[in-house]
Amino acid sequence: LLDNAEGSELGIQYDQISSSIDQVRYWRRLRWEIPEMAADFLESHDGLKILRDNILSLIRDCNKILGSMDLEEKGLTAYHVNKLVSCIQPGLDKITWFTFQKDMANFLQEVRMKC
């Protein structure tokens, strides 16, 4: 779901999902048999786009906060930065685009409330 794109900045892993969705759409046009999981994933594409936008908003906010601080400010706010990172860590470790949308939405809501 999230990754450390450039060391300290967060990024999003969505390109592979987008290309997979396009591929399933082509299969459908060709009237090929589509695996059930792929069909379900295609059906939930609009919801995933909304979640992607929410995740991008979260990433921009976090990167903006962390990027605007110099070393001294980071030292003074280390406790709060560590709290922020620990809130986001499940998105780096456990949550994927195949996680139920409800679970992803709950994760985002929790992170937003804690941040």
N, C-alpha and C. Protein backbone atom coordinates (compact mmCIF):
# COMPACT_ATOMS: atom_id res chain seq x y z
N LEU A 1 0.83 -1.19 0.00
CA LEU A 1 0.00 0.00 0.00
C LEU A 1 0.87 1.25 0.00
N LEU A 2 1.75 1.35 0.99
CA LEU A 2 2.67 2.49 1.09
C LEU A 2 4.09 1.96 1.01
N ASP A 3 5.00 2.81 0.61
CA ASP A 3 6.40 2.43 0.64
C ASP A 3 7.26 3.65 0.93
N ASN A 4 8.49 3.37 1.30
CA ASN A 4 9.46 4.45 1.49
C ASN A 4 10.10 4.70 0.14
N ALA A 5 9.53 5.63 -0.61
CA ALA A 5 9.95 5.87 -1.99
C ALA A 5 11.40 6.34 -2.07
N GLU A 6 11.73 7.33 -1.31
CA GLU A 6 13.08 7.90 -1.37
C GLU A 6 13.66 8.00 0.02
N GLY A 7 13.74 6.88 0.71
CA GLY A 7 14.31 6.88 2.04
C GLY A 7 13.34 7.39 3.08
N SER A 8 13.25 8.70 3.26
CA SER A 8 12.42 9.25 4.32
C SER A 8 11.02 9.64 3.84
N GLU A 9 10.82 9.73 2.53
CA GLU A 9 9.50 10.11 2.03
C GLU A 9 8.65 8.88 1.76
N LEU A 10 7.36 9.03 1.99
CA LEU A 10 6.43 7.96 1.69
C LEU A 10 5.96 8.07 0.25
N GLY A 11 5.62 6.96 -0.33
CA GLY A 11 5.07 6.91 -1.68
C GLY A 11 3.93 5.92 -1.72
N ILE A 12 3.37 5.72 -2.89
CA ILE A 12 2.24 4.82 -3.03
C ILE A 12 2.55 3.81 -4.14
N GLN A 13 2.12 2.59 -3.95
CA GLN A 13 2.32 1.54 -4.94
C GLN A 13 0.97 1.27 -5.59
N TYR A 14 0.71 1.89 -6.72
CA TYR A 14 -0.57 1.72 -7.39
C TYR A 14 -0.43 1.40 -8.87
N ASP A 15 0.72 1.66 -9.46
CA ASP A 15 0.90 1.47 -10.90
C ASP A 15 0.62 0.04 -11.34
N GLN A 16 1.10 -0.93 -10.57
CA GLN A 16 0.89 -2.33 -10.91
C GLN A 16 -0.59 -2.69 -10.85
N ILE A 17 -1.30 -2.15 -9.89
CA ILE A 17 -2.74 -2.40 -9.77
C ILE A 17 -3.47 -1.81 -10.96
N SER A 18 -3.12 -0.61 -11.34
CA SER A 18 -3.75 0.06 -12.46
C SER A 18 -3.56 -0.74 -13.75
N SER A 19 -2.34 -1.22 -13.98
CA SER A 19 -2.10 -1.99 -15.20
C SER A 19 -2.82 -3.34 -15.15
N SER A 20 -2.94 -3.94 -13.97
CA SER A 20 -3.69 -5.19 -13.84
C SER A 20 -5.17 -4.99 -14.14
N ILE A 21 -5.72 -3.89 -13.68
CA ILE A 21 -7.13 -3.58 -13.94
C ILE A 21 -7.34 -3.37 -15.44
N ASP A 22 -6.42 -2.67 -16.08
CA ASP A 22 -6.51 -2.48 -17.54
C ASP A 22 -6.47 -3.82 -18.26
N GLN A 23 -5.61 -4.70 -17.79
CA GLN A 23 -5.48 -6.01 -18.41
C GLN A 23 -6.78 -6.81 -18.29
N VAL A 24 -7.41 -6.77 -17.14
CA VAL A 24 -8.67 -7.49 -16.94
C VAL A 24 -9.76 -6.90 -17.84
N ARG A 25 -9.74 -5.59 -18.02
CA ARG A 25 -10.70 -4.96 -18.93
C ARG A 25 -10.53 -5.48 -20.35
N TYR A 26 -9.27 -5.64 -20.80
CA TYR A 26 -9.02 -6.18 -22.14
C TYR A 26 -9.51 -7.62 -22.24
N TRP A 27 -9.28 -8.41 -21.19
CA TRP A 27 -9.77 -9.79 -21.19
C TRP A 27 -11.29 -9.80 -21.36
N ARG A 28 -11.94 -8.88 -20.67
CA ARG A 28 -13.41 -8.82 -20.76
C ARG A 28 -13.84 -8.47 -22.19
N ARG A 29 -13.16 -7.53 -22.81
CA ARG A 29 -13.48 -7.16 -24.20
C ARG A 29 -13.28 -8.33 -25.16
N LEU A 30 -12.25 -9.11 -24.89
CA LEU A 30 -11.96 -10.27 -25.73
C LEU A 30 -12.86 -11.47 -25.39
N ARG A 31 -13.69 -11.27 -24.37
CA ARG A 31 -14.60 -12.32 -23.89
C ARG A 31 -13.86 -13.57 -23.38
N TRP A 32 -12.69 -13.31 -22.80
CA TRP A 32 -11.94 -14.39 -22.19
C TRP A 32 -12.50 -14.64 -20.80
N GLU A 33 -12.26 -15.82 -20.31
CA GLU A 33 -12.70 -16.15 -18.95
C GLU A 33 -11.84 -15.37 -17.96
N ILE A 34 -12.51 -14.70 -17.03
CA ILE A 34 -11.82 -13.87 -16.04
C ILE A 34 -11.90 -14.57 -14.69
N PRO A 35 -10.76 -14.75 -14.02
CA PRO A 35 -10.80 -15.35 -12.68
C PRO A 35 -11.71 -14.52 -11.76
N GLU A 36 -12.37 -15.20 -10.85
CA GLU A 36 -13.34 -14.54 -9.97
C GLU A 36 -12.70 -13.41 -9.17
N MET A 37 -11.51 -13.64 -8.67
CA MET A 37 -10.84 -12.61 -7.87
C MET A 37 -10.56 -11.36 -8.72
N ALA A 38 -10.16 -11.56 -9.97
CA ALA A 38 -9.89 -10.43 -10.86
C ALA A 38 -11.18 -9.68 -11.17
N ALA A 39 -12.28 -10.41 -11.37
CA ALA A 39 -13.57 -9.77 -11.64
C ALA A 39 -14.02 -8.95 -10.43
N ASP A 40 -13.85 -9.51 -9.24
CA ASP A 40 -14.21 -8.78 -8.02
C ASP A 40 -13.37 -7.52 -7.87
N PHE A 41 -12.10 -7.65 -8.19
CA PHE A 41 -11.18 -6.52 -8.10
C PHE A 41 -11.59 -5.42 -9.07
N LEU A 42 -11.99 -5.82 -10.28
CA LEU A 42 -12.43 -4.85 -11.28
C LEU A 42 -13.70 -4.14 -10.83
N GLU A 43 -14.60 -4.88 -10.19
CA GLU A 43 -15.84 -4.29 -9.69
C GLU A 43 -15.58 -3.25 -8.60
N SER A 44 -14.52 -3.44 -7.84
CA SER A 44 -14.24 -2.52 -6.73
C SER A 44 -13.28 -1.40 -7.14
N HIS A 45 -13.02 -1.26 -8.43
CA HIS A 45 -12.04 -0.29 -8.91
C HIS A 45 -12.37 1.15 -8.49
N ASP A 46 -13.64 1.56 -8.57
CA ASP A 46 -13.99 2.93 -8.20
C ASP A 46 -13.70 3.20 -6.72
N GLY A 47 -14.03 2.22 -5.89
CA GLY A 47 -13.72 2.37 -4.47
C GLY A 47 -12.23 2.45 -4.21
N LEU A 48 -11.46 1.68 -4.99
CA LEU A 48 -10.00 1.73 -4.84
C LEU A 48 -9.44 3.08 -5.27
N LYS A 49 -10.02 3.67 -6.30
CA LYS A 49 -9.56 5.00 -6.72
C LYS A 49 -9.80 6.03 -5.63
N ILE A 50 -10.93 5.94 -4.95
CA ILE A 50 -11.21 6.86 -3.85
C ILE A 50 -10.21 6.64 -2.72
N LEU A 51 -9.97 5.37 -2.38
CA LEU A 51 -8.98 5.07 -1.34
C LEU A 51 -7.59 5.56 -1.74
N ARG A 52 -7.24 5.37 -3.01
CA ARG A 52 -5.94 5.84 -3.49
C ARG A 52 -5.80 7.35 -3.29
N ASP A 53 -6.86 8.08 -3.62
CA ASP A 53 -6.83 9.53 -3.44
C ASP A 53 -6.68 9.91 -1.97
N ASN A 54 -7.37 9.19 -1.10
CA ASN A 54 -7.25 9.45 0.34
C ASN A 54 -5.85 9.13 0.85
N ILE A 55 -5.27 8.05 0.34
CA ILE A 55 -3.91 7.68 0.73
C ILE A 55 -2.92 8.72 0.24
N LEU A 56 -3.11 9.18 -1.00
CA LEU A 56 -2.22 10.22 -1.52
C LEU A 56 -2.29 11.49 -0.68
N SER A 57 -3.48 11.83 -0.22
CA SER A 57 -3.64 13.00 0.65
C SER A 57 -2.87 12.81 1.95
N LEU A 58 -3.00 11.63 2.54
CA LEU A 58 -2.27 11.31 3.77
C LEU A 58 -0.77 11.38 3.54
N ILE A 59 -0.30 10.82 2.43
CA ILE A 59 1.13 10.82 2.12
C ILE A 59 1.64 12.25 1.94
N ARG A 60 0.90 13.05 1.20
CA ARG A 60 1.32 14.45 1.00
C ARG A 60 1.44 15.18 2.33
N ASP A 61 0.44 15.00 3.20
CA ASP A 61 0.47 15.67 4.50
C ASP A 61 1.67 15.22 5.33
N CYS A 62 1.90 13.90 5.39
CA CYS A 62 3.02 13.39 6.18
C CYS A 62 4.36 13.86 5.63
N ASN A 63 4.52 13.76 4.31
CA ASN A 63 5.78 14.21 3.70
C ASN A 63 5.98 15.70 3.87
N LYS A 64 4.89 16.46 3.83
CA LYS A 64 4.99 17.91 4.01
C LYS A 64 5.45 18.23 5.44
N ILE A 65 4.86 17.54 6.41
CA ILE A 65 5.23 17.76 7.81
C ILE A 65 6.69 17.39 8.04
N LEU A 66 7.05 16.19 7.62
CA LEU A 66 8.41 15.71 7.87
C LEU A 66 9.45 16.47 7.05
N GLY A 67 9.08 16.87 5.84
CA GLY A 67 10.02 17.58 4.98
C GLY A 67 10.25 19.02 5.38
N SER A 68 9.31 19.60 6.11
CA SER A 68 9.45 21.01 6.49
C SER A 68 10.30 21.20 7.74
N MET A 69 10.64 20.13 8.42
CA MET A 69 11.41 20.24 9.66
C MET A 69 12.90 20.10 9.41
N ASP A 70 13.68 20.90 10.11
CA ASP A 70 15.13 20.71 10.06
C ASP A 70 15.51 19.72 11.17
N LEU A 71 16.78 19.40 11.27
CA LEU A 71 17.22 18.39 12.24
C LEU A 71 16.89 18.77 13.68
N GLU A 72 17.03 20.04 14.01
CA GLU A 72 16.73 20.48 15.37
C GLU A 72 15.26 20.29 15.70
N GLU A 73 14.38 20.67 14.75
CA GLU A 73 12.94 20.49 14.97
C GLU A 73 12.58 19.02 15.06
N LYS A 74 13.23 18.20 14.24
CA LYS A 74 12.97 16.75 14.30
C LYS A 74 13.37 16.20 15.66
N GLY A 75 14.47 16.70 16.20
CA GLY A 75 14.90 16.27 17.54
C GLY A 75 13.91 16.68 18.61
N LEU A 76 13.38 17.90 18.51
CA LEU A 76 12.42 18.39 19.49
C LEU A 76 11.07 17.66 19.41
N THR A 77 10.73 17.21 18.22
CA THR A 77 9.42 16.57 18.02
C THR A 77 9.56 15.06 17.78
N ALA A 78 10.68 14.49 18.16
CA ALA A 78 10.96 13.08 17.87
C ALA A 78 9.87 12.15 18.40
N TYR A 79 9.35 12.44 19.59
CA TYR A 79 8.29 11.60 20.17
C TYR A 79 7.08 11.58 19.25
N HIS A 80 6.67 12.75 18.79
CA HIS A 80 5.48 12.86 17.95
C HIS A 80 5.72 12.27 16.55
N VAL A 81 6.92 12.45 16.04
CA VAL A 81 7.26 11.87 14.73
C VAL A 81 7.25 10.35 14.83
N ASN A 82 7.80 9.81 15.91
CA ASN A 82 7.79 8.35 16.10
C ASN A 82 6.36 7.83 16.23
N LYS A 83 5.51 8.59 16.89
CA LYS A 83 4.10 8.22 17.01
C LYS A 83 3.44 8.19 15.63
N LEU A 84 3.73 9.19 14.82
CA LEU A 84 3.21 9.27 13.46
C LEU A 84 3.68 8.07 12.64
N VAL A 85 4.97 7.76 12.72
CA VAL A 85 5.53 6.64 11.97
C VAL A 85 4.93 5.32 12.44
N SER A 86 4.73 5.16 13.75
CA SER A 86 4.14 3.91 14.25
C SER A 86 2.68 3.76 13.81
N CYS A 87 1.99 4.87 13.60
CA CYS A 87 0.61 4.80 13.09
C CYS A 87 0.60 4.35 11.63
N ILE A 88 1.58 4.78 10.88
CA ILE A 88 1.63 4.49 9.45
C ILE A 88 2.26 3.14 9.16
N GLN A 89 3.04 2.62 10.08
CA GLN A 89 3.80 1.39 9.86
C GLN A 89 2.96 0.21 9.34
N PRO A 90 1.74 -0.02 9.83
CA PRO A 90 0.96 -1.13 9.26
C PRO A 90 0.71 -0.98 7.76
N GLY A 91 0.63 0.25 7.29
CA GLY A 91 0.46 0.48 5.86
C GLY A 91 1.71 0.11 5.08
N LEU A 92 2.86 0.16 5.73
CA LEU A 92 4.11 -0.23 5.10
C LEU A 92 4.31 -1.74 5.14
N ASP A 93 3.76 -2.39 6.16
CA ASP A 93 4.03 -3.81 6.39
C ASP A 93 2.91 -4.76 5.96
N LYS A 94 1.67 -4.44 6.31
CA LYS A 94 0.60 -5.43 6.22
C LYS A 94 -0.47 -5.15 5.18
N ILE A 95 -0.81 -3.91 4.97
CA ILE A 95 -1.95 -3.58 4.14
C ILE A 95 -1.54 -3.55 2.67
N THR A 96 -2.32 -4.24 1.85
CA THR A 96 -2.07 -4.27 0.41
C THR A 96 -3.35 -3.84 -0.30
N TRP A 97 -3.28 -3.73 -1.61
CA TRP A 97 -4.46 -3.36 -2.38
C TRP A 97 -5.48 -4.50 -2.40
N PHE A 98 -5.07 -5.69 -1.96
CA PHE A 98 -6.00 -6.81 -1.89
C PHE A 98 -6.66 -6.90 -0.52
N THR A 99 -6.27 -6.04 0.40
CA THR A 99 -6.92 -5.96 1.70
C THR A 99 -8.34 -5.43 1.48
N PHE A 100 -9.27 -5.89 2.28
CA PHE A 100 -10.65 -5.43 2.13
C PHE A 100 -10.70 -3.91 2.22
N GLN A 101 -11.52 -3.30 1.37
CA GLN A 101 -11.60 -1.84 1.33
C GLN A 101 -12.04 -1.28 2.67
N LYS A 102 -12.91 -1.99 3.37
CA LYS A 102 -13.37 -1.52 4.68
C LYS A 102 -12.19 -1.44 5.65
N ASP A 103 -11.30 -2.44 5.60
CA ASP A 103 -10.13 -2.43 6.48
C ASP A 103 -9.18 -1.30 6.12
N MET A 104 -9.00 -1.05 4.82
CA MET A 104 -8.15 0.07 4.39
C MET A 104 -8.74 1.40 4.84
N ALA A 105 -10.06 1.55 4.68
CA ALA A 105 -10.72 2.80 5.09
C ALA A 105 -10.58 3.00 6.60
N ASN A 106 -10.74 1.92 7.37
CA ASN A 106 -10.57 2.02 8.83
C ASN A 106 -9.14 2.41 9.19
N PHE A 107 -8.17 1.84 8.49
CA PHE A 107 -6.76 2.19 8.73
C PHE A 107 -6.53 3.67 8.47
N LEU A 108 -7.01 4.15 7.33
CA LEU A 108 -6.84 5.57 7.01
C LEU A 108 -7.50 6.48 8.03
N GLN A 109 -8.69 6.09 8.47
CA GLN A 109 -9.41 6.90 9.46
C GLN A 109 -8.62 6.95 10.78
N GLU A 110 -8.08 5.80 11.21
CA GLU A 110 -7.28 5.75 12.44
C GLU A 110 -6.05 6.64 12.33
N VAL A 111 -5.35 6.55 11.21
CA VAL A 111 -4.14 7.34 11.03
C VAL A 111 -4.48 8.82 11.04
N ARG A 112 -5.55 9.20 10.35
CA ARG A 112 -5.96 10.62 10.32
C ARG A 112 -6.29 11.12 11.72
N MET A 113 -6.97 10.30 12.52
CA MET A 113 -7.34 10.74 13.88
C MET A 113 -6.11 10.89 14.76
N LYS A 114 -5.13 9.98 14.61
CA LYS A 114 -3.94 10.02 15.44
C LYS A 114 -2.96 11.11 15.00
N CYS A 115 -3.04 11.49 13.75
CA CYS A 115 -2.12 12.51 13.24
C CYS A 115 -2.78 13.85 13.36
